[in-house]
Amino acid sequence: MTGAPHWPDRPDPLDDDLGWMLGIVFRGYVRVADHALTDFPGGPRGYQVLTAAITGPARNQGAIAEELGIDRTVLTYLIDDLERPGFVARRADPADRRNRLVDVTDVGRAAWEQRRLALRHVESHLLGTLTPAESATLRALLQRVACSVQATDPLRDLCEVVSQVQPTENQTDAPAGRGGRSTAARGRRRATD
């Protein structure tokens, strides 16, 4: 699988390394998703912010930053980027005038729906070697793992956001976590080259 020489009695250790597998899939997804979101304000992160803002009632910037694990300062710039084309609007929070709530506009909803469709095509391409049933199973398993990992992290609301964004007929889509080749795996890889 990795291109390293294989001995009949010993498979390539990377073929069974979760970090390597997640890294390959993640990097492939990022390359294609970046292309699909190239002209979207804020790129993939802007899309994530709009996705978080579109699910449920308007929330303040701090809550969105916490959900997505984005620094509040960075989030401010992303919201600025989304506000320019009219995708979102900020308004004072009636419960606490010091806070600003982020509302998604009709233009923002339409842009989000269009990009969501484009990303579904990206996902279909990426999972093209799987049958529809296998793809649904993979998504369900990834969602379960992602939500379990999320439960141990302070960003507890992210799994709720993920489940709200999914289509009702297929509640199995979930973003895969970031992965990469571990130092030990890289060392094993070099040893087999």
C-alpha atoms as a PDB file:
ATOM      1  CA  MET A   1       0.000   0.000   0.000  1.00  0.00           C
ATOM      2  CA  THR A   2       2.689   2.546   0.950  1.00  0.00           C
ATOM      3  CA  GLY A   3       5.095   1.600  -1.805  1.00  0.00           C
ATOM      4  CA  ALA A   4       7.706   0.258   0.601  1.00  0.00           C
ATOM      5  CA  PRO A   5       9.112  -3.213  -0.135  1.00  0.00           C
ATOM      6  CA  HIS A   6       6.940  -5.961   1.336  1.00  0.00           C
ATOM      7  CA  TRP A   7       8.199  -9.235   2.641  1.00  0.00           C
ATOM      8  CA  PRO A   8       5.674 -12.081   2.383  1.00  0.00           C
ATOM      9  CA  ASP A   9       5.801 -12.751   6.115  1.00  0.00           C
ATOM     10  CA  ARG A  10       5.763  -9.099   7.201  1.00  0.00           C
ATOM     11  CA  PRO A  11       3.262  -6.433   6.027  1.00  0.00           C
ATOM     12  CA  ASP A  12       4.283  -2.787   5.817  1.00  0.00           C
ATOM     13  CA  PRO A  13       3.677  -1.332   9.311  1.00  0.00           C
ATOM     14  CA  LEU A  14       2.254   1.871   7.820  1.00  0.00           C
ATOM     15  CA  ASP A  15      -0.562  -0.051   6.179  1.00  0.00           C
ATOM     16  CA  ASP A  16      -1.917  -0.615   9.692  1.00  0.00           C
ATOM     17  CA  ASP A  17      -0.993   2.790  11.204  1.00  0.00           C
ATOM     18  CA  LEU A  18      -4.133   4.788  12.014  1.00  0.00           C
ATOM     19  CA  GLY A  19      -2.297   8.121  12.001  1.00  0.00           C
ATOM     20  CA  TRP A  20      -0.863   7.458   8.554  1.00  0.00           C
ATOM     21  CA  MET A  21      -4.265   6.403   7.181  1.00  0.00           C
ATOM     22  CA  LEU A  22      -6.063   9.400   8.685  1.00  0.00           C
ATOM     23  CA  GLY A  23      -3.308  11.695   7.429  1.00  0.00           C
ATOM     24  CA  ILE A  24      -3.552  10.430   3.844  1.00  0.00           C
ATOM     25  CA  VAL A  25      -7.359  10.747   3.805  1.00  0.00           C
ATOM     26  CA  PHE A  26      -7.279  14.139   5.532  1.00  0.00           C
ATOM     27  CA  ARG A  27      -4.669  15.589   3.187  1.00  0.00           C
ATOM     28  CA  GLY A  28      -6.608  14.315   0.172  1.00  0.00           C
ATOM     29  CA  TYR A  29      -9.802  15.841   1.522  1.00  0.00           C
ATOM     30  CA  VAL A  30      -8.121  19.167   2.289  1.00  0.00           C
ATOM     31  CA  ARG A  31      -6.623  19.447  -1.209  1.00  0.00           C
ATOM     32  CA  VAL A  32      -9.962  18.904  -2.935  1.00  0.00           C
ATOM     33  CA  ALA A  33     -12.040  20.847  -0.374  1.00  0.00           C
ATOM     34  CA  ASP A  34      -9.656  23.810  -0.619  1.00  0.00           C
ATOM     35  CA  HIS A  35     -10.275  23.832  -4.365  1.00  0.00           C
ATOM     36  CA  ALA A  36     -14.071  23.668  -3.861  1.00  0.00           C
ATOM     37  CA  LEU A  37     -13.892  26.557  -1.366  1.00  0.00           C
ATOM     38  CA  THR A  38     -11.169  28.604  -3.058  1.00  0.00           C
ATOM     39  CA  ASP A  39     -13.332  31.708  -3.539  1.00  0.00           C
ATOM     40  CA  PHE A  40     -15.396  31.262  -0.364  1.00  0.00           C
ATOM     41  CA  PRO A  41     -14.729  34.012   2.215  1.00  0.00           C
ATOM     42  CA  GLY A  42     -12.249  32.588   4.705  1.00  0.00           C
ATOM     43  CA  GLY A  43     -11.890  29.337   2.717  1.00  0.00           C
ATOM     44  CA  PRO A  44     -12.588  26.084   4.590  1.00  0.00           C
ATOM     45  CA  ARG A  45     -12.453  27.813   7.974  1.00  0.00           C
ATOM     46  CA  GLY A  46     -14.956  30.409   6.803  1.00  0.00           C
ATOM     47  CA  TYR A  47     -17.229  27.578   5.667  1.00  0.00           C
ATOM     48  CA  GLN A  48     -16.912  25.941   9.108  1.00  0.00           C
ATOM     49  CA  VAL A  49     -17.804  29.219  10.814  1.00  0.00           C
ATOM     50  CA  LEU A  50     -20.839  29.647   8.568  1.00  0.00           C
ATOM     51  CA  THR A  51     -21.830  26.031   9.272  1.00  0.00           C
ATOM     52  CA  ALA A  52     -21.604  26.640  13.020  1.00  0.00           C
ATOM     53  CA  ALA A  53     -23.583  29.871  12.718  1.00  0.00           C
ATOM     54  CA  ILE A  54     -26.272  28.297  10.559  1.00  0.00           C
ATOM     55  CA  THR A  55     -27.145  25.591  13.086  1.00  0.00           C
ATOM     56  CA  GLY A  56     -29.588  26.800  15.684  1.00  0.00           C
ATOM     57  CA  PRO A  57     -30.262  30.222  17.135  1.00  0.00           C
ATOM     58  CA  ALA A  58     -27.794  33.084  16.812  1.00  0.00           C
ATOM     59  CA  ARG A  59     -24.832  32.744  19.160  1.00  0.00           C
ATOM     60  CA  ASN A  60     -22.069  35.041  20.231  1.00  0.00           C
ATOM     61  CA  GLN A  61     -18.609  34.901  18.708  1.00  0.00           C
ATOM     62  CA  GLY A  62     -17.114  33.379  21.858  1.00  0.00           C
ATOM     63  CA  ALA A  63     -19.464  30.391  21.717  1.00  0.00           C
ATOM     64  CA  ILE A  64     -18.685  29.791  18.039  1.00  0.00           C
ATOM     65  CA  ALA A  65     -14.939  30.088  18.701  1.00  0.00           C
ATOM     66  CA  GLU A  66     -15.198  27.538  21.502  1.00  0.00           C
ATOM     67  CA  GLU A  67     -17.257  25.108  19.401  1.00  0.00           C
ATOM     68  CA  LEU A  68     -14.791  25.185  16.517  1.00  0.00           C
ATOM     69  CA  GLY A  69     -11.583  25.460  18.512  1.00  0.00           C
ATOM     70  CA  ILE A  70     -10.673  28.688  16.726  1.00  0.00           C
ATOM     71  CA  ASP A  71      -8.868  31.536  18.457  1.00  0.00           C
ATOM     72  CA  ARG A  72     -11.312  34.393  19.090  1.00  0.00           C
ATOM     73  CA  THR A  73      -9.115  36.893  17.272  1.00  0.00           C
ATOM     74  CA  VAL A  74      -8.927  34.665  14.202  1.00  0.00           C
ATOM     75  CA  LEU A  75     -12.684  34.123  14.391  1.00  0.00           C
ATOM     76  CA  THR A  76     -13.247  37.885  14.348  1.00  0.00           C
ATOM     77  CA  TYR A  77     -11.387  38.128  11.032  1.00  0.00           C
ATOM     78  CA  LEU A  78     -13.303  35.151   9.614  1.00  0.00           C
ATOM     79  CA  ILE A  79     -16.620  36.723  10.580  1.00  0.00           C
ATOM     80  CA  ASP A  80     -15.450  39.999   9.013  1.00  0.00           C
ATOM     81  CA  ASP A  81     -14.760  38.034   5.804  1.00  0.00           C
ATOM     82  CA  LEU A  82     -18.253  36.485   5.919  1.00  0.00           C
ATOM     83  CA  GLU A  83     -19.905  39.811   6.711  1.00  0.00           C
ATOM     84  CA  ARG A  84     -18.480  41.621   3.648  1.00  0.00           C
ATOM     85  CA  PRO A  85     -20.508  39.636   1.059  1.00  0.00           C
ATOM     86  CA  GLY A  86     -23.528  39.677   3.371  1.00  0.00           C
ATOM     87  CA  PHE A  87     -23.377  36.030   4.511  1.00  0.00           C
ATOM     88  CA  VAL A  88     -23.676  36.976   8.194  1.00  0.00           C
ATOM     89  CA  ALA A  89     -24.639  40.014  10.224  1.00  0.00           C
ATOM     90  CA  ARG A  90     -23.635  40.913  13.765  1.00  0.00           C
ATOM     91  CA  ARG A  91     -26.146  42.333  16.203  1.00  0.00           C
ATOM     92  CA  ALA A  92     -26.097  43.225  19.857  1.00  0.00           C
ATOM     93  CA  ASP A  93     -27.168  40.450  22.221  1.00  0.00           C
ATOM     94  CA  PRO A  94     -30.343  41.660  23.994  1.00  0.00           C
ATOM     95  CA  ALA A  95     -29.354  39.644  27.088  1.00  0.00           C
ATOM     96  CA  ASP A  96     -25.868  41.178  27.258  1.00  0.00           C
ATOM     97  CA  ARG A  97     -25.187  44.255  25.141  1.00  0.00           C
ATOM     98  CA  ARG A  98     -21.431  43.641  25.376  1.00  0.00           C
ATOM     99  CA  ASN A  99     -21.800  40.511  23.239  1.00  0.00           C
ATOM    100  CA  ARG A 100     -22.389  40.397  19.510  1.00  0.00           C
ATOM    101  CA  LEU A 101     -24.586  37.653  18.069  1.00  0.00           C
ATOM    102  CA  VAL A 102     -23.847  36.236  14.630  1.00  0.00           C
ATOM    103  CA  ASP A 103     -26.920  35.854  12.414  1.00  0.00           C
ATOM    104  CA  VAL A 104     -26.831  34.061   9.067  1.00  0.00           C
ATOM    105  CA  THR A 105     -28.560  35.941   6.249  1.00  0.00           C
ATOM    106  CA  ASP A 106     -30.594  34.449   3.411  1.00  0.00           C
ATOM    107  CA  VAL A 107     -27.626  35.119   1.116  1.00  0.00           C
ATOM    108  CA  GLY A 108     -25.408  33.234   3.556  1.00  0.00           C
ATOM    109  CA  ARG A 109     -27.802  30.278   3.713  1.00  0.00           C
ATOM    110  CA  ALA A 110     -27.883  30.056  -0.084  1.00  0.00           C
ATOM    111  CA  ALA A 111     -24.060  30.236  -0.296  1.00  0.00           C
ATOM    112  CA  TRP A 112     -23.721  27.605   2.433  1.00  0.00           C
ATOM    113  CA  GLU A 113     -26.164  25.253   0.691  1.00  0.00           C
ATOM    114  CA  GLN A 114     -24.303  25.636  -2.616  1.00  0.00           C
ATOM    115  CA  ARG A 115     -20.928  24.889  -1.019  1.00  0.00           C
ATOM    116  CA  ARG A 116     -22.391  22.071   1.043  1.00  0.00           C
ATOM    117  CA  LEU A 117     -23.481  20.433  -2.207  1.00  0.00           C
ATOM    118  CA  ALA A 118     -19.983  20.950  -3.682  1.00  0.00           C
ATOM    119  CA  LEU A 119     -18.411  19.358  -0.604  1.00  0.00           C
ATOM    120  CA  ARG A 120     -20.788  16.389  -0.882  1.00  0.00           C
ATOM    121  CA  HIS A 121     -19.334  15.830  -4.365  1.00  0.00           C
ATOM    122  CA  VAL A 122     -15.825  16.070  -2.881  1.00  0.00           C
ATOM    123  CA  GLU A 123     -16.757  13.466  -0.272  1.00  0.00           C
ATOM    124  CA  SER A 124     -18.302  11.177  -2.900  1.00  0.00           C
ATOM    125  CA  HIS A 125     -15.114  11.411  -4.958  1.00  0.00           C
ATOM    126  CA  LEU A 126     -12.931  10.736  -1.942  1.00  0.00           C
ATOM    127  CA  LEU A 127     -15.010   7.720  -0.884  1.00  0.00           C
ATOM    128  CA  GLY A 128     -15.518   6.517  -4.457  1.00  0.00           C
ATOM    129  CA  THR A 129     -13.842   3.166  -3.839  1.00  0.00           C
ATOM    130  CA  LEU A 130     -16.514   2.284  -1.273  1.00  0.00           C
ATOM    131  CA  THR A 131     -20.044   1.093  -1.893  1.00  0.00           C
ATOM    132  CA  PRO A 132     -22.801   3.387  -0.597  1.00  0.00           C
ATOM    133  CA  ALA A 133     -23.309   1.022   2.361  1.00  0.00           C
ATOM    134  CA  GLU A 134     -19.577   1.000   3.152  1.00  0.00           C
ATOM    135  CA  SER A 135     -19.463   4.786   2.880  1.00  0.00           C
ATOM    136  CA  ALA A 136     -22.389   5.114   5.302  1.00  0.00           C
ATOM    137  CA  THR A 137     -20.706   2.687   7.712  1.00  0.00           C
ATOM    138  CA  LEU A 138     -17.406   4.571   7.536  1.00  0.00           C
ATOM    139  CA  ARG A 139     -19.172   7.876   8.192  1.00  0.00           C
ATOM    140  CA  ALA A 140     -21.078   6.389  11.145  1.00  0.00           C
ATOM    141  CA  LEU A 141     -17.901   4.948  12.650  1.00  0.00           C
ATOM    142  CA  LEU A 142     -15.938   8.174  12.133  1.00  0.00           C
ATOM    143  CA  GLN A 143     -18.761  10.165  13.711  1.00  0.00           C
ATOM    144  CA  ARG A 144     -18.792   7.864  16.729  1.00  0.00           C
ATOM    145  CA  VAL A 145     -15.014   8.118  17.148  1.00  0.00           C
ATOM    146  CA  ALA A 146     -14.997  11.898  16.562  1.00  0.00           C
ATOM    147  CA  CYS A 147     -17.777  12.456  19.105  1.00  0.00           C
ATOM    148  CA  SER A 148     -16.043  10.203  21.625  1.00  0.00           C
ATOM    149  CA  VAL A 149     -12.797  12.131  21.204  1.00  0.00           C
ATOM    150  CA  GLN A 150     -14.736  15.407  21.347  1.00  0.00           C
ATOM    151  CA  ALA A 151     -16.335  14.336  24.646  1.00  0.00           C
ATOM    152  CA  THR A 152     -12.897  14.287  26.277  1.00  0.00           C
ATOM    153  CA  ASP A 153     -12.169  17.790  24.951  1.00  0.00           C
ATOM    154  CA  PRO A 154     -13.656  21.026  26.302  1.00  0.00           C
ATOM    155  CA  LEU A 155     -15.301  21.713  22.919  1.00  0.00           C
ATOM    156  CA  ARG A 156     -18.329  19.603  23.826  1.00  0.00           C
ATOM    157  CA  ASP A 157     -20.896  21.230  21.524  1.00  0.00           C
ATOM    158  CA  LEU A 158     -19.163  20.300  18.251  1.00  0.00           C
ATOM    159  CA  CYS A 159     -20.811  16.866  17.993  1.00  0.00           C
ATOM    160  CA  GLU A 160     -24.211  18.492  18.428  1.00  0.00           C
ATOM    161  CA  VAL A 161     -23.320  20.894  15.593  1.00  0.00           C
ATOM    162  CA  VAL A 162     -22.273  17.970  13.386  1.00  0.00           C
ATOM    163  CA  SER A 163     -25.507  16.085  14.003  1.00  0.00           C
ATOM    164  CA  GLN A 164     -27.615  19.192  13.279  1.00  0.00           C
ATOM    165  CA  VAL A 165     -25.899  19.841   9.945  1.00  0.00           C
ATOM    166  CA  GLN A 166     -26.432  16.328   8.601  1.00  0.00           C
ATOM    167  CA  PRO A 167     -29.312  15.392   6.330  1.00  0.00           C
ATOM    168  CA  THR A 168     -32.089  13.664   8.243  1.00  0.00           C
ATOM    169  CA  GLU A 169     -32.162  10.550   6.058  1.00  0.00           C
ATOM    170  CA  ASN A 170     -28.461   9.854   6.665  1.00  0.00           C
ATOM    171  CA  GLN A 171     -27.196  10.885  10.090  1.00  0.00           C
ATOM    172  CA  THR A 172     -23.753   9.434   9.449  1.00  0.00           C
ATOM    173  CA  ASP A 173     -21.601  12.292   8.118  1.00  0.00           C
ATOM    174  CA  ALA A 174     -18.829  13.513  10.394  1.00  0.00           C
ATOM    175  CA  PRO A 175     -15.601  15.311   9.820  1.00  0.00           C
ATOM    176  CA  ALA A 176     -12.595  13.146  10.210  1.00  0.00           C
ATOM    177  CA  GLY A 177      -9.999  14.237  12.695  1.00  0.00           C
ATOM    178  CA  ARG A 178      -6.607  15.525  11.755  1.00  0.00           C
ATOM    179  CA  GLY A 179      -4.087  12.744  11.512  1.00  0.00           C
ATOM    180  CA  GLY A 180      -0.561  12.334  10.443  1.00  0.00           C
ATOM    181  CA  ARG A 181       2.258   9.893  10.388  1.00  0.00           C
ATOM    182  CA  SER A 182       3.717   9.365  13.852  1.00  0.00           C
ATOM    183  CA  THR A 183       7.427   9.714  14.529  1.00  0.00           C
ATOM    184  CA  ALA A 184       7.643   5.982  15.221  1.00  0.00           C
ATOM    185  CA  ALA A 185       5.852   5.210  11.956  1.00  0.00           C
ATOM    186  CA  ARG A 186       8.214   7.499  10.023  1.00  0.00           C
ATOM    187  CA  GLY A 187      11.155   5.701  11.628  1.00  0.00           C
ATOM    188  CA  ARG A 188       9.719   2.312  10.662  1.00  0.00           C
ATOM    189  CA  ARG A 189       9.076   3.617   7.127  1.00  0.00           C
ATOM    190  CA  ARG A 190      12.688   4.755   6.736  1.00  0.00           C
ATOM    191  CA  ALA A 191      13.943   1.438   8.010  1.00  0.00           C
ATOM    192  CA  THR A 192      12.070  -0.409   5.231  1.00  0.00           C
ATOM    193  CA  ASP A 193      13.163   1.909   2.379  1.00  0.00           C
END
